[in-house]
Amino acid sequence: MGKLHRVILLAYENVELLDVVGPLETFATAAEVAKDFRYGVEVVAERPGLIRASSGLAIAATADLGSLC
């Protein structure tokens, strides 16, 4: 199995849902199809917790921006 590639998706208030979910689904599918690649996808925001997208749906940010340093 290949090296884990860390993918960070930034969420913020009123983000377009597709801008977060689209890449998330792409990397999830890529990981299923290409067994030699592994992706660890994380949603981050200014603070961990629920972030409201422009549609009103909440996205859970699991880490804050400070944790990336």
C-alpha atoms as a PDB file:
ATOM      1  CA  MET A   1       0.000   0.000   0.000  1.00  0.00           C
ATOM      2  CA  GLY A   2       1.263   3.477  -0.883  1.00  0.00           C
ATOM      3  CA  LYS A   3       2.111   6.504   1.177  1.00  0.00           C
ATOM      4  CA  LEU A   4      -0.773   8.413   2.781  1.00  0.00           C
ATOM      5  CA  HIS A   5      -1.465  11.722   1.040  1.00  0.00           C
ATOM      6  CA  ARG A   6      -3.007  14.320   3.330  1.00  0.00           C
ATOM      7  CA  VAL A   7      -5.754  16.381   1.696  1.00  0.00           C
ATOM      8  CA  ILE A   8      -7.071  19.439   3.532  1.00  0.00           C
ATOM      9  CA  LEU A   9     -10.457  20.924   2.629  1.00  0.00           C
ATOM     10  CA  LEU A  10     -11.160  24.414   3.972  1.00  0.00           C
ATOM     11  CA  ALA A  11     -14.693  25.157   5.177  1.00  0.00           C
ATOM     12  CA  TYR A  12     -15.995  28.569   6.191  1.00  0.00           C
ATOM     13  CA  GLU A  13     -19.388  30.144   6.842  1.00  0.00           C
ATOM     14  CA  ASN A  14     -21.528  30.223   3.682  1.00  0.00           C
ATOM     15  CA  VAL A  15     -19.134  28.024   1.682  1.00  0.00           C
ATOM     16  CA  GLU A  16     -20.659  26.457  -1.408  1.00  0.00           C
ATOM     17  CA  LEU A  17     -21.341  22.863  -0.372  1.00  0.00           C
ATOM     18  CA  LEU A  18     -20.065  21.495  -3.683  1.00  0.00           C
ATOM     19  CA  ASP A  19     -16.674  23.148  -3.091  1.00  0.00           C
ATOM     20  CA  VAL A  20     -16.149  20.884  -0.070  1.00  0.00           C
ATOM     21  CA  VAL A  21     -18.126  17.765  -0.936  1.00  0.00           C
ATOM     22  CA  GLY A  22     -16.991  17.572  -4.581  1.00  0.00           C
ATOM     23  CA  PRO A  23     -13.272  17.175  -3.795  1.00  0.00           C
ATOM     24  CA  LEU A  24     -14.072  14.923  -0.824  1.00  0.00           C
ATOM     25  CA  GLU A  25     -16.008  12.520  -3.069  1.00  0.00           C
ATOM     26  CA  THR A  26     -13.304  12.686  -5.732  1.00  0.00           C
ATOM     27  CA  PHE A  27     -10.554  11.614  -3.339  1.00  0.00           C
ATOM     28  CA  ALA A  28     -12.767   8.933  -1.774  1.00  0.00           C
ATOM     29  CA  THR A  29     -13.453   7.461  -5.216  1.00  0.00           C
ATOM     30  CA  ALA A  30      -9.796   7.741  -6.245  1.00  0.00           C
ATOM     31  CA  ALA A  31      -8.774   5.816  -3.130  1.00  0.00           C
ATOM     32  CA  GLU A  32     -11.210   3.013  -4.021  1.00  0.00           C
ATOM     33  CA  VAL A  33     -10.112   2.790  -7.651  1.00  0.00           C
ATOM     34  CA  ALA A  34      -6.340   3.256  -7.289  1.00  0.00           C
ATOM     35  CA  LYS A  35      -5.314   0.843  -4.548  1.00  0.00           C
ATOM     36  CA  ASP A  36      -1.708   2.115  -4.660  1.00  0.00           C
ATOM     37  CA  PHE A  37      -2.754   5.526  -3.359  1.00  0.00           C
ATOM     38  CA  ARG A  38      -4.192   6.427   0.037  1.00  0.00           C
ATOM     39  CA  TYR A  39      -5.804   9.723   0.911  1.00  0.00           C
ATOM     40  CA  GLY A  40      -6.525  11.121   4.354  1.00  0.00           C
ATOM     41  CA  VAL A  41      -9.129  13.833   3.788  1.00  0.00           C
ATOM     42  CA  GLU A  42      -9.774  16.364   6.544  1.00  0.00           C
ATOM     43  CA  VAL A  43     -12.186  19.279   6.753  1.00  0.00           C
ATOM     44  CA  VAL A  44     -10.678  22.227   8.615  1.00  0.00           C
ATOM     45  CA  ALA A  45     -12.001  25.652   9.556  1.00  0.00           C
ATOM     46  CA  GLU A  46     -11.065  28.596  11.739  1.00  0.00           C
ATOM     47  CA  ARG A  47     -12.407  26.521  14.661  1.00  0.00           C
ATOM     48  CA  PRO A  48     -13.462  22.872  14.828  1.00  0.00           C
ATOM     49  CA  GLY A  49     -17.201  22.280  14.831  1.00  0.00           C
ATOM     50  CA  LEU A  50     -20.185  22.842  12.613  1.00  0.00           C
ATOM     51  CA  ILE A  51     -19.903  25.271   9.707  1.00  0.00           C
ATOM     52  CA  ARG A  52     -23.040  26.359   7.817  1.00  0.00           C
ATOM     53  CA  ALA A  53     -22.820  26.108   4.048  1.00  0.00           C
ATOM     54  CA  SER A  54     -24.697  28.569   1.833  1.00  0.00           C
ATOM     55  CA  SER A  55     -27.517  26.017   1.516  1.00  0.00           C
ATOM     56  CA  GLY A  56     -27.911  25.895   5.310  1.00  0.00           C
ATOM     57  CA  LEU A  57     -26.493  22.370   5.617  1.00  0.00           C
ATOM     58  CA  ALA A  58     -23.843  22.046   8.339  1.00  0.00           C
ATOM     59  CA  ILE A  59     -20.382  20.623   7.642  1.00  0.00           C
ATOM     60  CA  ALA A  60     -18.311  19.264  10.535  1.00  0.00           C
ATOM     61  CA  ALA A  61     -14.789  20.671  10.645  1.00  0.00           C
ATOM     62  CA  THR A  62     -12.616  18.223  12.573  1.00  0.00           C
ATOM     63  CA  ALA A  63      -9.614  20.508  13.023  1.00  0.00           C
ATOM     64  CA  ASP A  64      -8.678  24.171  13.102  1.00  0.00           C
ATOM     65  CA  LEU A  65      -6.257  26.051  10.896  1.00  0.00           C
ATOM     66  CA  GLY A  66      -3.682  26.199  13.694  1.00  0.00           C
ATOM     67  CA  SER A  67      -3.358  22.428  13.677  1.00  0.00           C
ATOM     68  CA  LEU A  68      -1.909  22.531  10.161  1.00  0.00           C
ATOM     69  CA  CYS A  69       1.370  24.134  11.248  1.00  0.00           C
END
